[in-house]
Amino acid sequence: MSPLLKLVVGLASLMLGLGYLYRPDLIERMNALLREYFLNDAYIALERKKWGAFFLLISFLFLYMAWTSLAR
């Protein structure tokens, strides 16, 4: 995986994580668009903090991997 792709995935995960934690209304709008295919409203409402923490951890992992790859 290239460092640039790791950086993009890390930043996208960071934005999703922060969105779940601080702006759930934006996530609910996104959910409305994807509801029929991937997501369930009740599940998202109940698991908001877990998903937010998950995306933040994934973002830190990818950002760290990108940082170490770019630092070489």
N, C-alpha and C. Protein backbone atom coordinates (compact mmCIF):
# COMPACT_ATOMS: atom_id res chain seq x y z
N MET A 1 0.85 -1.17 0.00
CA MET A 1 0.00 0.00 0.00
C MET A 1 0.90 1.23 0.00
N SER A 2 0.63 2.16 -0.88
CA SER A 2 1.47 3.34 -0.99
C SER A 2 1.23 4.31 0.18
N PRO A 3 2.23 5.09 0.51
CA PRO A 3 2.07 6.06 1.62
C PRO A 3 0.95 7.06 1.37
N LEU A 4 0.76 7.47 0.12
CA LEU A 4 -0.29 8.44 -0.18
C LEU A 4 -1.67 7.83 0.06
N LEU A 5 -1.86 6.58 -0.33
CA LEU A 5 -3.13 5.91 -0.09
C LEU A 5 -3.38 5.74 1.41
N LYS A 6 -2.33 5.40 2.17
CA LYS A 6 -2.46 5.28 3.62
C LYS A 6 -2.86 6.62 4.23
N LEU A 7 -2.28 7.69 3.73
CA LEU A 7 -2.60 9.03 4.23
C LEU A 7 -4.06 9.37 3.93
N VAL A 8 -4.54 9.07 2.74
CA VAL A 8 -5.92 9.36 2.37
C VAL A 8 -6.90 8.53 3.21
N VAL A 9 -6.61 7.24 3.38
CA VAL A 9 -7.48 6.39 4.20
C VAL A 9 -7.47 6.87 5.65
N GLY A 10 -6.31 7.26 6.15
CA GLY A 10 -6.22 7.76 7.52
C GLY A 10 -7.01 9.04 7.71
N LEU A 11 -6.91 9.96 6.78
CA LEU A 11 -7.65 11.22 6.89
C LEU A 11 -9.16 11.00 6.76
N ALA A 12 -9.55 10.11 5.85
CA ALA A 12 -10.98 9.81 5.70
C ALA A 12 -11.53 9.18 6.98
N SER A 13 -10.77 8.26 7.58
CA SER A 13 -11.21 7.64 8.82
C SER A 13 -11.26 8.64 9.96
N LEU A 14 -10.30 9.57 9.99
CA LEU A 14 -10.31 10.61 11.00
C LEU A 14 -11.57 11.46 10.89
N MET A 15 -11.92 11.85 9.68
CA MET A 15 -13.12 12.66 9.48
C MET A 15 -14.38 11.89 9.87
N LEU A 16 -14.46 10.62 9.52
CA LEU A 16 -15.61 9.82 9.92
C LEU A 16 -15.69 9.67 11.43
N GLY A 17 -14.55 9.42 12.06
CA GLY A 17 -14.53 9.27 13.52
C GLY A 17 -14.97 10.53 14.22
N LEU A 18 -14.44 11.66 13.80
CA LEU A 18 -14.85 12.92 14.41
C LEU A 18 -16.30 13.24 14.11
N GLY A 19 -16.75 12.88 12.91
CA GLY A 19 -18.15 13.09 12.56
C GLY A 19 -19.09 12.30 13.45
N TYR A 20 -18.74 11.04 13.68
CA TYR A 20 -19.57 10.21 14.56
C TYR A 20 -19.61 10.76 15.97
N LEU A 21 -18.50 11.31 16.45
CA LEU A 21 -18.45 11.79 17.83
C LEU A 21 -19.04 13.19 18.00
N TYR A 22 -18.77 14.08 17.06
CA TYR A 22 -19.14 15.48 17.27
C TYR A 22 -20.28 15.99 16.40
N ARG A 23 -20.51 15.40 15.25
CA ARG A 23 -21.58 15.86 14.36
C ARG A 23 -22.42 14.69 13.88
N PRO A 24 -23.13 14.04 14.78
CA PRO A 24 -23.93 12.89 14.35
C PRO A 24 -25.02 13.26 13.35
N ASP A 25 -25.44 14.53 13.30
CA ASP A 25 -26.45 14.94 12.34
C ASP A 25 -25.93 14.79 10.90
N LEU A 26 -24.65 15.08 10.68
CA LEU A 26 -24.08 14.89 9.34
C LEU A 26 -24.00 13.41 8.99
N ILE A 27 -23.67 12.60 9.97
CA ILE A 27 -23.61 11.16 9.74
C ILE A 27 -25.00 10.62 9.44
N GLU A 28 -26.01 11.15 10.12
CA GLU A 28 -27.38 10.70 9.86
C GLU A 28 -27.82 11.08 8.45
N ARG A 29 -27.38 12.23 7.95
CA ARG A 29 -27.69 12.60 6.56
C ARG A 29 -27.02 11.64 5.58
N MET A 30 -25.76 11.34 5.85
CA MET A 30 -25.05 10.38 5.01
C MET A 30 -25.73 9.02 5.10
N ASN A 31 -26.18 8.68 6.29
CA ASN A 31 -26.87 7.41 6.50
C ASN A 31 -28.16 7.35 5.69
N ALA A 32 -28.85 8.47 5.59
CA ALA A 32 -30.10 8.49 4.83
C ALA A 32 -29.86 8.13 3.37
N LEU A 33 -28.72 8.52 2.84
CA LEU A 33 -28.40 8.19 1.45
C LEU A 33 -28.02 6.71 1.27
N LEU A 34 -27.37 6.14 2.28
CA LEU A 34 -26.86 4.77 2.18
C LEU A 34 -27.72 3.74 2.91
N ARG A 35 -28.78 4.18 3.51
CA ARG A 35 -29.60 3.33 4.39
C ARG A 35 -30.06 2.04 3.72
N GLU A 36 -30.50 2.10 2.50
CA GLU A 36 -31.07 0.93 1.85
C GLU A 36 -30.01 -0.12 1.52
N TYR A 37 -28.75 0.30 1.44
CA TYR A 37 -27.72 -0.62 0.99
C TYR A 37 -26.86 -1.18 2.11
N PHE A 38 -26.42 -0.33 3.04
CA PHE A 38 -25.43 -0.77 4.02
C PHE A 38 -25.83 -0.59 5.47
N LEU A 39 -26.55 0.46 5.80
CA LEU A 39 -26.70 0.86 7.20
C LEU A 39 -28.12 0.70 7.73
N ASN A 40 -28.23 0.62 9.03
CA ASN A 40 -29.50 0.50 9.73
C ASN A 40 -29.57 1.63 10.75
N ASP A 41 -30.64 2.42 10.73
CA ASP A 41 -30.77 3.60 11.61
C ASP A 41 -30.63 3.25 13.09
N ALA A 42 -31.29 2.22 13.53
CA ALA A 42 -31.26 1.86 14.96
C ALA A 42 -29.85 1.47 15.37
N TYR A 43 -29.15 0.75 14.53
CA TYR A 43 -27.80 0.32 14.84
C TYR A 43 -26.86 1.52 14.93
N ILE A 44 -26.96 2.45 14.01
CA ILE A 44 -26.08 3.63 14.01
C ILE A 44 -26.35 4.48 15.25
N ALA A 45 -27.60 4.67 15.59
CA ALA A 45 -27.93 5.50 16.76
C ALA A 45 -27.41 4.87 18.05
N LEU A 46 -27.49 3.56 18.15
CA LEU A 46 -27.07 2.90 19.38
C LEU A 46 -25.55 2.72 19.48
N GLU A 47 -24.89 2.58 18.35
CA GLU A 47 -23.47 2.26 18.34
C GLU A 47 -22.60 3.45 17.92
N ARG A 48 -23.08 4.67 18.05
CA ARG A 48 -22.39 5.86 17.57
C ARG A 48 -21.01 6.02 18.18
N LYS A 49 -20.87 5.87 19.46
CA LYS A 49 -19.57 6.07 20.12
C LYS A 49 -18.58 4.98 19.76
N LYS A 50 -19.06 3.75 19.63
CA LYS A 50 -18.16 2.66 19.25
C LYS A 50 -17.63 2.87 17.84
N TRP A 51 -18.51 3.26 16.91
CA TRP A 51 -18.06 3.50 15.53
C TRP A 51 -17.11 4.70 15.48
N GLY A 52 -17.39 5.73 16.24
CA GLY A 52 -16.51 6.90 16.26
C GLY A 52 -15.13 6.54 16.76
N ALA A 53 -15.06 5.79 17.83
CA ALA A 53 -13.76 5.36 18.37
C ALA A 53 -13.05 4.44 17.38
N PHE A 54 -13.79 3.56 16.73
CA PHE A 54 -13.19 2.66 15.74
C PHE A 54 -12.54 3.45 14.60
N PHE A 55 -13.27 4.41 14.04
CA PHE A 55 -12.72 5.18 12.93
C PHE A 55 -11.54 6.04 13.37
N LEU A 56 -11.57 6.56 14.58
CA LEU A 56 -10.42 7.32 15.07
C LEU A 56 -9.19 6.43 15.22
N LEU A 57 -9.35 5.23 15.75
CA LEU A 57 -8.23 4.31 15.88
C LEU A 57 -7.68 3.92 14.51
N ILE A 58 -8.55 3.64 13.57
CA ILE A 58 -8.12 3.29 12.21
C ILE A 58 -7.38 4.47 11.58
N SER A 59 -7.88 5.68 11.81
CA SER A 59 -7.22 6.85 11.23
C SER A 59 -5.83 7.03 11.80
N PHE A 60 -5.67 6.85 13.12
CA PHE A 60 -4.35 6.98 13.73
C PHE A 60 -3.40 5.92 13.20
N LEU A 61 -3.90 4.71 12.99
CA LEU A 61 -3.07 3.64 12.45
C LEU A 61 -2.58 3.99 11.04
N PHE A 62 -3.49 4.41 10.16
CA PHE A 62 -3.10 4.72 8.80
C PHE A 62 -2.24 5.98 8.72
N LEU A 63 -2.54 6.96 9.54
CA LEU A 63 -1.71 8.17 9.54
C LEU A 63 -0.30 7.86 10.03
N TYR A 64 -0.17 6.99 11.03
CA TYR A 64 1.15 6.60 11.52
C TYR A 64 1.91 5.82 10.45
N MET A 65 1.23 4.89 9.78
CA MET A 65 1.89 4.12 8.73
C MET A 65 2.34 5.03 7.58
N ALA A 66 1.51 6.01 7.23
CA ALA A 66 1.88 6.95 6.17
C ALA A 66 3.05 7.82 6.62
N TRP A 67 3.04 8.27 7.87
CA TRP A 67 4.11 9.11 8.41
C TRP A 67 5.45 8.38 8.36
N THR A 68 5.45 7.13 8.80
CA THR A 68 6.70 6.37 8.80
C THR A 68 7.16 6.06 7.38
N SER A 69 6.24 5.85 6.47
CA SER A 69 6.63 5.59 5.07
C SER A 69 7.19 6.84 4.41
N LEU A 70 6.61 7.98 4.70
CA LEU A 70 7.06 9.22 4.09
C LEU A 70 8.36 9.72 4.72
N ALA A 71 8.63 9.34 5.96
CA ALA A 71 9.81 9.81 6.67
C ALA A 71 11.09 9.11 6.19
N ARG A 72 10.97 8.02 5.48
CA ARG A 72 12.15 7.28 5.02
C ARG A 72 12.89 8.01 3.96
